[in-house]
Amino acid sequence: MALRRALCTILLIFTWTCAIEAQDVPVPQLTPGSERKPASASSNPAQPAPPQTVALTVAKGAPLQVALDREIRVKKVGQPVHARIVEPVYAFDHIVVPVGSEIIGEITKIEEISGGKRTLAALNADFTPLRRVEVGFHELVLADGRRFPLHTSVTPGSGQIIELVTAANAKEKKNGAKDMASEKTKEAKQQARQEWDNAIKQLKTPGKIHRLERYGAAQLPVHRQYIPAGTVYFAELEDPLDFGSEVMTAPMASSIGSAIPEGSVVHARLVTPLSSATARKGQDVEAVLSEPLMDGERLILPQGSRLKGTVKQAQPARRMKKNGQLRIAFSELVPPDGIEQKVVSTLEGVQAGKDANVKLDSEGGAEATTSKSRYLATAMSLGLAMMSVGDRDRVGSGQDGAGRGAAGGLGGFKLVGMVVGALARSRAFGTTMGAYGAAVSVYSHFMARGREVEFPKNTAMQIGIGTRAATTTPPAPEVAPPAVPSESAALVD
């Protein structure tokens, strides 16, 4: 027991001595600014975040708007086709395929004509009816010599000569701000038309004399088939095109999604194909921006931003040449990886086939119109019918009979009818053919169903757009609770 106490005493003395020596050792002093940082900070020193990059890629499914730069005589499948880009292709905010770039393709299919169609065409003096021709494009050549292999599919409904139709100018506004917005919209439409005209000037489009020659040749019983220069196709990419990337600067990132300037007009492509024959009021419609919206040097909306809207009015064509009508409006804007916002919009311009005779009103509504040439065509048919009848008192023989027969035949079955009528010298034949031709002309020009408004997929549009002003809903008026009749009132009743 004594030994155990002695050992504990010695251990306590030793511990007390070591503590005194530790207190006597001086603590090193760190100079200002030399404090040690945490281990995590010292091992991973702070570095600026890497800059954000944007891929300059033309996505799969994006359309290339191309137009034939020379006339093509249709001969066989595999025949080469040469065209040019007539609308710039953007990736984010850069033009990656400028207007005028070459695009090379070939005829991929020539449709066979059924026996029924061939018989009907022959009855109308056409022994070589037009066949539907499909084309495809397989190579893109830029101005700097770079070549890109392509895999494309042509959008149904393309393959026609188109024009840019702009909306009628609205009446002048008294409000100064609205005047400025209207003026800016007008300038944007004029610029779009100028750009389109400049693109078409690069093509060897036929002149009036050449068009008349082609029209005359098409009236012959046997004729060649041509695809005229200026015919526009929408070639959708089946594989994306990569043009590298760009660094997104801080000012660029901060400007995206900012307020849209008044009077802005965006270039967009229709994603939802529309027709006045099938569209219904309230149907969803979507378009995608084909060009970025810039405010000076500031990027407001990049290419690829989406517009969502609905069909506001759809009136199909009816008998008695009542043409179709179509009105759409976009109310939502969705930037890429952005937040959806409400907008107001009007259709300011649209590309449509020249034969479609589409016009836009001041509010952006589209309506098909009937060409005034129908009056001239009908008058000619009636005149030929009158010539075929001739004077009842005169004998229908000799030159007079041949002339009446030719006139009636021409009104009924074009050149073949005219030749047969002249050779037959039959008054009955000429009168019958003349009456038939006049009846067909009157029916087709004044009694048949009118034209529909057709907007195929990838139709190019100019859309006036602005941010919708926030509206506050007025509070509902307080309704006083109905008075409970008193006992005396109840007794009186």
Protein backbone atom coordinates (compact mmCIF):
# COMPACT_ATOMS: atom_id res chain seq x y z
CA MET A 1 0.00 0.00 0.00
CA ALA A 2 2.83 2.35 0.90
CA LEU A 3 4.61 1.50 -2.32
CA ARG A 4 1.51 2.39 -4.34
CA ARG A 5 1.24 5.81 -2.66
CA ALA A 6 4.89 6.54 -3.34
CA LEU A 7 4.54 5.80 -7.05
CA CYS A 8 1.47 8.06 -7.38
CA THR A 9 3.31 10.90 -5.65
CA ILE A 10 6.30 10.61 -8.01
CA LEU A 11 3.97 10.60 -11.06
CA LEU A 12 2.17 13.75 -9.92
CA ILE A 13 5.47 15.58 -9.36
CA PHE A 14 6.69 14.64 -12.86
CA THR A 15 3.48 15.82 -14.55
CA TRP A 16 3.54 19.18 -12.69
CA THR A 17 7.15 19.79 -13.81
CA CYS A 18 6.37 19.14 -17.52
CA ALA A 19 3.43 21.56 -17.40
CA ILE A 20 5.61 24.37 -16.02
CA GLU A 21 8.22 23.80 -18.77
CA ALA A 22 5.53 23.90 -21.48
CA GLN A 23 4.30 27.26 -20.23
CA ASP A 24 7.80 28.67 -20.33
CA VAL A 25 8.26 27.84 -24.10
CA PRO A 26 7.57 31.02 -26.22
CA VAL A 27 4.66 30.81 -28.78
CA PRO A 28 5.80 31.88 -32.30
CA GLN A 29 4.10 35.12 -33.56
CA LEU A 30 2.84 35.25 -37.21
CA THR A 31 3.43 38.45 -39.13
CA PRO A 32 0.34 40.26 -40.48
CA GLY A 33 -1.04 38.69 -43.67
CA SER A 34 0.73 35.41 -43.14
CA GLU A 35 -2.10 33.63 -41.35
CA ARG A 36 -2.45 30.08 -42.46
CA LYS A 37 -5.45 29.36 -44.64
CA PRO A 38 -7.64 26.29 -44.29
CA ALA A 39 -6.27 23.16 -45.84
CA SER A 40 -9.03 23.09 -48.45
CA ALA A 41 -8.23 26.63 -49.61
CA SER A 42 -4.50 26.06 -49.75
CA SER A 43 -4.81 22.86 -51.74
CA ASN A 44 -7.47 24.28 -54.21
CA PRO A 45 -6.65 27.96 -54.72
CA ALA A 46 -9.60 30.07 -55.93
CA GLN A 47 -9.76 30.44 -59.75
CA PRO A 48 -12.20 32.28 -62.03
CA ALA A 49 -14.99 30.12 -63.47
CA PRO A 50 -14.37 28.95 -67.04
CA PRO A 51 -16.22 31.01 -69.69
CA GLN A 52 -19.51 29.59 -70.96
CA THR A 53 -19.53 28.49 -74.61
CA VAL A 54 -22.42 28.12 -77.04
CA ALA A 55 -22.39 25.45 -79.74
CA LEU A 56 -22.91 26.86 -83.23
CA THR A 57 -24.85 23.87 -84.51
CA VAL A 58 -27.68 23.75 -87.02
CA ALA A 59 -29.91 21.12 -85.44
CA LYS A 60 -31.40 18.08 -87.06
CA GLY A 61 -34.73 18.94 -88.66
CA ALA A 62 -33.75 22.55 -89.39
CA PRO A 63 -34.85 23.61 -92.90
CA LEU A 64 -32.63 25.09 -95.59
CA GLN A 65 -34.61 27.34 -97.92
CA VAL A 66 -33.13 26.80 -101.35
CA ALA A 67 -34.17 27.91 -104.84
CA LEU A 68 -33.13 26.54 -108.22
CA ASP A 69 -30.78 29.01 -109.87
CA ARG A 70 -31.46 27.76 -113.39
CA GLU A 71 -34.23 26.08 -115.32
CA ILE A 72 -34.24 22.28 -115.40
CA ARG A 73 -35.65 20.13 -118.17
CA VAL A 74 -36.88 16.95 -116.49
CA LYS A 75 -35.29 13.88 -118.09
CA LYS A 76 -34.48 11.11 -115.63
CA VAL A 77 -33.87 10.13 -112.02
CA GLY A 78 -30.36 11.07 -110.89
CA GLN A 79 -30.28 14.20 -113.02
CA PRO A 80 -28.19 16.86 -111.21
CA VAL A 81 -29.89 19.84 -109.59
CA HIS A 82 -28.16 23.10 -108.64
CA ALA A 83 -29.64 25.63 -106.23
CA ARG A 84 -28.71 28.44 -103.86
CA ILE A 85 -29.57 29.38 -100.31
CA VAL A 86 -32.09 32.24 -100.39
CA GLU A 87 -32.47 32.76 -96.63
CA PRO A 88 -29.53 32.93 -94.19
CA VAL A 89 -29.12 30.10 -91.71
CA TYR A 90 -28.30 31.13 -88.13
CA ALA A 91 -26.92 29.24 -85.17
CA PHE A 92 -27.68 31.15 -81.94
CA ASP A 93 -26.64 34.65 -83.09
CA HIS A 94 -24.21 33.87 -85.96
CA ILE A 95 -24.86 33.46 -89.69
CA VAL A 96 -23.30 30.10 -90.47
CA VAL A 97 -24.75 29.64 -93.98
CA PRO A 98 -25.06 32.97 -95.82
CA VAL A 99 -27.41 33.76 -98.69
CA GLY A 100 -26.01 32.67 -102.04
CA SER A 101 -24.28 29.53 -100.77
CA GLU A 102 -24.45 26.72 -103.31
CA ILE A 103 -26.36 23.54 -102.69
CA ILE A 104 -26.11 20.52 -104.96
CA GLY A 105 -28.65 17.74 -105.39
CA GLU A 106 -30.41 15.53 -107.88
CA ILE A 107 -33.82 14.36 -109.03
CA THR A 108 -34.71 11.43 -106.78
CA LYS A 109 -38.11 10.38 -108.15
CA ILE A 110 -40.40 11.00 -111.13
CA GLU A 111 -43.99 10.01 -110.46
CA GLU A 112 -45.73 7.56 -112.77
CA ILE A 113 -49.12 8.73 -114.07
CA SER A 114 -52.11 6.42 -113.79
CA GLY A 115 -54.13 5.43 -116.82
CA GLY A 116 -57.16 7.38 -115.62
CA LYS A 117 -55.24 10.62 -115.27
CA ARG A 118 -53.60 10.10 -118.61
CA THR A 119 -56.98 9.55 -120.27
CA LEU A 120 -58.48 12.70 -118.72
CA ALA A 121 -55.45 14.69 -119.81
CA ALA A 122 -55.75 13.33 -123.35
CA LEU A 123 -59.40 14.39 -123.48
CA ASN A 124 -58.15 17.89 -122.69
CA ALA A 125 -55.61 17.74 -125.53
CA ASP A 126 -52.63 16.97 -123.27
CA PHE A 127 -50.77 13.78 -124.16
CA THR A 128 -47.78 14.52 -121.91
CA PRO A 129 -49.32 15.55 -118.56
CA LEU A 130 -47.08 16.94 -115.86
CA ARG A 131 -45.54 14.41 -113.51
CA ARG A 132 -44.68 15.09 -109.90
CA VAL A 133 -40.91 15.35 -109.49
CA GLU A 134 -39.06 14.90 -106.18
CA VAL A 135 -35.58 16.27 -105.55
CA GLY A 136 -32.99 15.82 -102.81
CA PHE A 137 -29.87 17.74 -101.81
CA HIS A 138 -26.61 16.14 -100.71
CA GLU A 139 -23.87 18.80 -100.58
CA LEU A 140 -23.48 22.37 -99.30
CA VAL A 141 -20.70 24.61 -100.63
CA LEU A 142 -19.90 27.87 -98.79
CA ALA A 143 -18.32 30.93 -100.38
CA ASP A 144 -14.96 30.17 -98.71
CA GLY A 145 -14.80 26.74 -100.38
CA ARG A 146 -15.82 24.61 -97.41
CA ARG A 147 -18.01 21.65 -98.32
CA PHE A 148 -20.47 19.87 -96.07
CA PRO A 149 -22.11 16.57 -96.97
CA LEU A 150 -25.87 16.67 -96.41
CA HIS A 151 -28.70 14.26 -95.80
CA THR A 152 -31.99 16.07 -96.41
CA SER A 153 -35.67 15.44 -96.99
CA VAL A 154 -37.81 17.97 -98.85
CA THR A 155 -40.85 19.22 -96.93
CA PRO A 156 -44.21 18.29 -98.51
CA GLY A 157 -45.88 21.33 -100.01
CA SER A 158 -42.65 22.96 -101.15
CA GLY A 159 -41.44 23.04 -104.72
CA GLN A 160 -43.20 26.13 -106.02
CA ILE A 161 -42.37 29.72 -106.89
CA ILE A 162 -43.11 31.86 -103.86
CA GLU A 163 -43.30 35.53 -103.03
CA LEU A 164 -43.20 37.63 -99.88
CA VAL A 165 -46.64 38.98 -98.97
CA THR A 166 -46.75 41.79 -96.40
CA ALA A 167 -49.69 43.02 -94.36
CA ALA A 168 -51.51 46.19 -95.32
CA ASN A 169 -50.41 49.24 -93.37
CA ALA A 170 -52.67 50.09 -90.48
CA LYS A 171 -54.14 53.57 -90.11
CA GLU A 172 -51.92 56.16 -88.56
CA LYS A 173 -52.13 56.38 -84.78
CA LYS A 174 -52.44 59.60 -82.85
CA ASN A 175 -50.32 58.34 -80.00
CA GLY A 176 -46.65 59.24 -80.56
CA ALA A 177 -45.29 56.00 -79.10
CA LYS A 178 -47.52 53.96 -81.38
CA ASP A 179 -46.41 56.05 -84.35
CA MET A 180 -42.78 55.20 -83.61
CA ALA A 181 -43.59 51.52 -83.23
CA SER A 182 -45.54 51.50 -86.50
CA GLU A 183 -42.68 53.23 -88.29
CA LYS A 184 -40.20 50.68 -86.94
CA THR A 185 -42.45 47.83 -88.05
CA LYS A 186 -42.75 49.36 -91.52
CA GLU A 187 -38.96 49.65 -91.80
CA ALA A 188 -38.54 46.02 -90.73
CA LYS A 189 -40.99 44.84 -93.41
CA GLN A 190 -39.23 46.92 -96.07
CA GLN A 191 -35.89 45.46 -95.04
CA ALA A 192 -37.27 41.91 -95.24
CA ARG A 193 -38.63 42.56 -98.72
CA GLN A 194 -35.32 44.06 -99.84
CA GLU A 195 -33.42 41.03 -98.54
CA TRP A 196 -35.78 38.69 -100.37
CA ASP A 197 -35.47 40.66 -103.62
CA ASN A 198 -31.67 40.59 -103.37
CA ALA A 199 -31.69 36.82 -102.84
CA ILE A 200 -33.92 36.26 -105.88
CA LYS A 201 -31.69 38.47 -108.06
CA GLN A 202 -28.96 35.81 -107.74
CA LEU A 203 -31.15 33.36 -109.64
CA LYS A 204 -31.55 33.21 -113.39
CA THR A 205 -35.30 33.70 -113.20
CA PRO A 206 -37.05 33.75 -116.60
CA GLY A 207 -38.29 36.99 -118.10
CA LYS A 208 -41.77 37.67 -119.43
CA ILE A 209 -40.92 36.60 -122.99
CA HIS A 210 -39.45 33.30 -121.78
CA ARG A 211 -42.48 32.66 -119.57
CA LEU A 212 -44.81 33.30 -122.51
CA GLU A 213 -42.82 30.87 -124.64
CA ARG A 214 -43.04 28.19 -121.96
CA TYR A 215 -46.77 28.82 -121.53
CA GLY A 216 -47.37 28.53 -125.25
CA ALA A 217 -45.36 25.31 -125.46
CA ALA A 218 -47.34 23.86 -122.55
CA GLN A 219 -50.56 24.25 -124.56
CA LEU A 220 -49.31 21.88 -127.26
CA PRO A 221 -50.58 18.28 -127.18
CA VAL A 222 -47.02 17.03 -126.69
CA HIS A 223 -44.56 19.12 -124.72
CA ARG A 224 -41.52 18.83 -122.48
CA GLN A 225 -41.62 19.30 -118.73
CA TYR A 226 -39.50 21.95 -117.03
CA ILE A 227 -38.90 23.03 -113.44
CA PRO A 228 -38.52 26.81 -113.64
CA ALA A 229 -35.68 28.72 -112.03
CA GLY A 230 -36.73 30.26 -108.74
CA THR A 231 -38.66 27.18 -107.58
CA VAL A 232 -38.20 27.06 -103.79
CA TYR A 233 -37.73 23.93 -101.68
CA PHE A 234 -37.47 23.46 -97.92
CA ALA A 235 -34.75 20.86 -97.35
CA GLU A 236 -34.83 19.57 -93.77
CA LEU A 237 -31.54 18.33 -92.34
CA GLU A 238 -31.49 14.71 -91.27
CA ASP A 239 -28.10 15.21 -89.58
CA PRO A 240 -26.90 18.31 -87.68
CA LEU A 241 -24.27 20.68 -89.10
CA ASP A 242 -21.49 21.71 -86.72
CA PHE A 243 -19.78 25.09 -87.10
CA GLY A 244 -17.78 25.13 -83.86
CA SER A 245 -18.67 27.25 -80.83
CA GLU A 246 -18.45 30.78 -79.47
CA VAL A 247 -17.85 32.24 -76.02
CA MET A 248 -20.88 33.81 -74.40
CA THR A 249 -19.80 37.07 -72.83
CA ALA A 250 -21.37 38.47 -69.68
CA PRO A 251 -23.13 41.33 -71.54
CA MET A 252 -24.54 38.85 -74.04
CA ALA A 253 -25.85 36.56 -71.32
CA SER A 254 -27.41 39.45 -69.42
CA SER A 255 -29.20 40.86 -72.47
CA ILE A 256 -30.98 37.61 -73.40
CA GLY A 257 -34.58 37.68 -72.28
CA SER A 258 -34.65 41.44 -71.67
CA ALA A 259 -37.59 43.61 -72.67
CA ILE A 260 -38.51 43.39 -76.35
CA PRO A 261 -38.33 46.81 -78.05
CA GLU A 262 -41.59 48.23 -79.36
CA GLY A 263 -42.18 47.62 -83.04
CA SER A 264 -39.90 44.56 -83.22
CA VAL A 265 -40.42 42.12 -86.08
CA VAL A 266 -38.95 38.62 -85.80
CA HIS A 267 -38.25 36.11 -88.58
CA ALA A 268 -39.78 32.74 -87.80
CA ARG A 269 -40.66 29.44 -89.42
CA LEU A 270 -43.95 27.67 -88.96
CA VAL A 271 -43.61 24.32 -87.21
CA THR A 272 -47.33 23.47 -87.42
CA PRO A 273 -48.64 23.17 -91.00
CA LEU A 274 -51.93 25.00 -91.43
CA SER A 275 -54.77 25.01 -93.94
CA SER A 276 -58.04 26.90 -93.80
CA ALA A 277 -59.73 23.66 -94.90
CA THR A 278 -58.70 21.67 -91.81
CA ALA A 279 -57.67 24.20 -89.13
CA ARG A 280 -60.03 24.75 -86.20
CA LYS A 281 -60.45 27.74 -83.94
CA GLY A 282 -58.36 27.28 -80.79
CA GLN A 283 -55.92 24.87 -82.44
CA ASP A 284 -52.37 25.12 -81.08
CA VAL A 285 -49.76 26.66 -83.38
CA GLU A 286 -46.00 26.81 -82.94
CA ALA A 287 -43.19 28.63 -84.74
CA VAL A 288 -39.45 28.90 -84.19
CA LEU A 289 -37.23 31.95 -84.71
CA SER A 290 -35.00 31.45 -87.74
CA GLU A 291 -33.01 34.64 -87.03
CA PRO A 292 -31.99 36.26 -83.73
CA LEU A 293 -33.66 39.46 -82.57
CA MET A 294 -31.07 42.18 -82.03
CA ASP A 295 -31.38 45.64 -80.49
CA GLY A 296 -28.29 47.29 -81.87
CA GLU A 297 -25.43 45.16 -80.53
CA ARG A 298 -27.57 43.57 -77.83
CA LEU A 299 -28.94 40.06 -78.32
CA ILE A 300 -32.55 39.97 -77.17
CA LEU A 301 -33.72 36.61 -78.53
CA PRO A 302 -31.38 33.99 -80.01
CA GLN A 303 -32.22 31.84 -82.98
CA GLY A 304 -34.22 28.83 -81.86
CA SER A 305 -36.55 30.71 -79.52
CA ARG A 306 -40.09 29.40 -79.85
CA LEU A 307 -43.44 31.11 -80.26
CA LYS A 308 -46.66 29.43 -79.18
CA GLY A 309 -50.14 30.53 -80.15
CA THR A 310 -53.54 29.47 -81.43
CA VAL A 311 -55.78 29.72 -84.47
CA LYS A 312 -58.12 32.67 -83.93
CA GLN A 313 -60.19 32.22 -87.08
CA ALA A 314 -60.50 29.47 -89.69
CA GLN A 315 -63.00 29.64 -92.54
CA PRO A 316 -62.77 26.93 -95.20
CA ALA A 317 -63.41 27.72 -98.85
CA ARG A 318 -66.99 27.32 -100.07
CA ARG A 319 -68.90 27.12 -103.30
CA MET A 320 -69.49 30.17 -105.48
CA LYS A 321 -65.74 30.96 -105.23
CA LYS A 322 -65.85 31.87 -101.54
CA ASN A 323 -62.18 31.70 -100.55
CA GLY A 324 -60.76 30.44 -97.27
CA GLN A 325 -59.62 32.66 -94.41
CA LEU A 326 -57.11 32.04 -91.63
CA ARG A 327 -55.98 34.11 -88.66
CA ILE A 328 -53.37 33.07 -86.10
CA ALA A 329 -51.83 34.84 -83.11
CA PHE A 330 -48.85 33.97 -80.94
CA SER A 331 -49.17 34.72 -77.23
CA GLU A 332 -46.20 32.95 -75.58
CA LEU A 333 -42.46 33.23 -76.13
CA VAL A 334 -39.99 30.60 -74.94
CA PRO A 335 -36.24 31.39 -75.34
CA PRO A 336 -33.84 28.40 -75.38
CA ASP A 337 -33.47 27.23 -71.77
CA GLY A 338 -35.39 30.34 -70.77
CA ILE A 339 -38.54 31.32 -68.96
CA GLU A 340 -41.81 31.54 -70.84
CA GLN A 341 -43.28 35.01 -71.15
CA LYS A 342 -46.51 36.45 -72.50
CA VAL A 343 -46.40 38.50 -75.72
CA VAL A 344 -48.72 40.13 -78.21
CA SER A 345 -48.16 39.56 -81.91
CA THR A 346 -49.43 40.20 -85.43
CA LEU A 347 -48.56 38.51 -88.71
CA GLU A 348 -46.71 41.18 -90.71
CA GLY A 349 -45.45 39.09 -93.61
CA VAL A 350 -45.56 35.56 -95.00
CA GLN A 351 -44.10 33.66 -97.92
CA ALA A 352 -46.77 32.11 -100.15
CA GLY A 353 -46.99 30.60 -103.60
CA LYS A 354 -47.52 33.08 -106.40
CA ASP A 355 -50.47 31.07 -107.66
CA ALA A 356 -52.07 31.05 -104.19
CA ASN A 357 -52.94 34.76 -104.33
CA VAL A 358 -52.74 35.22 -100.55
CA LYS A 359 -53.14 38.66 -99.00
CA LEU A 360 -52.82 39.90 -95.40
CA ASP A 361 -55.01 42.54 -93.82
CA SER A 362 -53.76 45.22 -91.43
CA GLU A 363 -54.28 42.90 -88.44
CA GLY A 364 -52.41 39.97 -89.95
CA GLY A 365 -55.38 37.88 -91.10
CA ALA A 366 -54.73 35.81 -94.25
CA GLU A 367 -57.21 35.35 -97.05
CA ALA A 368 -56.97 33.71 -100.47
CA THR A 369 -57.99 35.91 -103.36
CA THR A 370 -59.20 35.09 -106.85
CA SER A 371 -57.23 36.38 -109.79
CA LYS A 372 -58.99 38.99 -111.90
CA SER A 373 -57.88 37.12 -115.00
CA ARG A 374 -60.93 34.88 -114.53
CA TYR A 375 -63.07 37.59 -116.10
CA LEU A 376 -60.90 37.67 -119.22
CA ALA A 377 -60.79 33.87 -119.49
CA THR A 378 -64.55 33.58 -119.13
CA ALA A 379 -65.13 36.36 -121.68
CA MET A 380 -62.89 34.55 -124.18
CA SER A 381 -64.77 31.28 -123.66
CA LEU A 382 -68.12 32.98 -124.16
CA GLY A 383 -66.80 34.73 -127.27
CA LEU A 384 -65.62 31.44 -128.76
CA ALA A 385 -69.01 29.91 -127.98
CA MET A 386 -70.76 32.77 -129.80
CA MET A 387 -68.43 32.38 -132.77
CA SER A 388 -69.20 28.67 -132.97
CA VAL A 389 -72.92 29.39 -133.23
CA GLY A 390 -72.54 31.94 -136.02
CA ASP A 391 -75.45 33.18 -138.10
CA ARG A 392 -78.27 30.65 -138.29
CA ASP A 393 -79.23 31.90 -141.76
CA ARG A 394 -75.83 31.14 -143.21
CA VAL A 395 -74.91 27.70 -144.42
CA GLY A 396 -72.39 25.97 -142.14
CA SER A 397 -69.99 24.90 -144.86
CA GLY A 398 -66.78 26.04 -146.46
CA GLN A 399 -64.48 28.41 -144.63
CA ASP A 400 -67.26 29.73 -142.43
CA GLY A 401 -68.14 26.26 -141.17
CA ALA A 402 -64.49 25.40 -140.61
CA GLY A 403 -63.96 28.62 -138.67
CA ARG A 404 -66.95 28.04 -136.41
CA GLY A 405 -65.91 24.46 -135.79
CA ALA A 406 -62.36 25.53 -134.96
CA ALA A 407 -63.60 28.24 -132.58
CA GLY A 408 -65.90 25.82 -130.78
CA GLY A 409 -63.22 23.15 -130.60
CA LEU A 410 -60.69 25.59 -129.20
CA GLY A 411 -63.09 26.59 -126.45
CA GLY A 412 -63.82 22.98 -125.57
CA PHE A 413 -60.60 20.98 -126.06
CA LYS A 414 -57.84 23.47 -126.85
CA LEU A 415 -55.63 22.80 -129.85
CA VAL A 416 -56.88 19.30 -130.61
CA GLY A 417 -60.48 20.46 -130.51
CA MET A 418 -59.66 23.36 -132.80
CA VAL A 419 -58.02 21.10 -135.40
CA VAL A 420 -60.81 18.51 -135.28
CA GLY A 421 -63.47 21.21 -135.50
CA ALA A 422 -61.79 22.82 -138.50
CA LEU A 423 -61.47 19.51 -140.36
CA ALA A 424 -64.93 18.24 -139.51
CA ARG A 425 -66.62 21.52 -140.53
CA SER A 426 -69.56 20.47 -138.42
CA ARG A 427 -71.79 23.18 -137.02
CA ALA A 428 -73.14 20.81 -134.38
CA PHE A 429 -69.65 19.87 -133.24
CA GLY A 430 -68.50 23.48 -133.04
CA THR A 431 -71.60 24.60 -131.16
CA THR A 432 -71.37 21.72 -128.70
CA MET A 433 -67.69 22.28 -128.00
CA GLY A 434 -68.16 26.03 -127.65
CA ALA A 435 -71.02 25.59 -125.19
CA TYR A 436 -69.01 23.01 -123.26
CA GLY A 437 -65.99 25.31 -122.99
CA ALA A 438 -68.10 28.27 -121.89
CA ALA A 439 -69.92 26.20 -119.28
CA VAL A 440 -66.66 24.83 -117.86
CA SER A 441 -65.17 28.32 -117.71
CA VAL A 442 -68.18 29.84 -115.94
CA TYR A 443 -68.36 26.97 -113.46
CA SER A 444 -64.66 26.88 -112.62
CA HIS A 445 -64.31 30.66 -112.31
CA PHE A 446 -67.54 31.61 -110.57
CA MET A 447 -69.39 28.59 -109.15
CA ALA A 448 -66.78 26.09 -107.99
CA ARG A 449 -65.21 26.00 -104.54
CA GLY A 450 -62.81 28.85 -103.81
CA ARG A 451 -59.16 28.69 -102.86
CA GLU A 452 -57.86 27.60 -99.47
CA VAL A 453 -55.18 29.40 -97.46
CA GLU A 454 -52.28 26.96 -97.23
CA PHE A 455 -49.26 27.44 -94.95
CA PRO A 456 -47.04 24.32 -95.24
CA LYS A 457 -44.53 23.41 -92.57
CA ASN A 458 -41.46 25.71 -92.56
CA THR A 459 -43.36 28.61 -94.13
CA ALA A 460 -41.31 31.75 -93.46
CA MET A 461 -43.10 34.48 -91.54
CA GLN A 462 -42.41 37.97 -90.23
CA ILE A 463 -44.17 38.45 -86.90
CA GLY A 464 -44.57 41.75 -85.10
CA ILE A 465 -44.02 41.05 -81.43
CA GLY A 466 -44.03 42.92 -78.14
CA THR A 467 -44.19 42.22 -74.43
CA ARG A 468 -47.68 42.13 -73.06
CA ALA A 469 -48.31 44.83 -70.47
CA ALA A 470 -49.21 43.55 -67.07
CA THR A 471 -52.89 43.90 -66.36
CA THR A 472 -54.47 44.09 -62.97
CA THR A 473 -57.85 42.58 -62.39
CA PRO A 474 -60.17 45.06 -60.64
CA PRO A 475 -61.45 43.77 -57.32
CA ALA A 476 -64.90 42.34 -57.46
CA PRO A 477 -67.51 44.61 -55.92
CA GLU A 478 -68.70 43.55 -52.54
CA VAL A 479 -72.19 42.13 -52.65
CA ALA A 480 -74.29 42.88 -49.64
CA PRO A 481 -75.94 39.83 -48.14
CA PRO A 482 -79.67 39.62 -48.80
CA ALA A 483 -81.75 41.26 -46.13
CA VAL A 484 -83.66 38.92 -43.89
CA PRO A 485 -87.27 40.05 -43.72
CA SER A 486 -88.53 40.90 -40.31
CA GLU A 487 -91.55 39.26 -38.76
CA SER A 488 -93.68 42.34 -39.41
CA ALA A 489 -92.70 42.37 -43.10
CA ALA A 490 -93.47 38.72 -43.36
CA LEU A 491 -96.85 39.33 -41.78
CA VAL A 492 -97.57 42.15 -44.22
CA ASP A 493 -96.71 39.93 -47.16
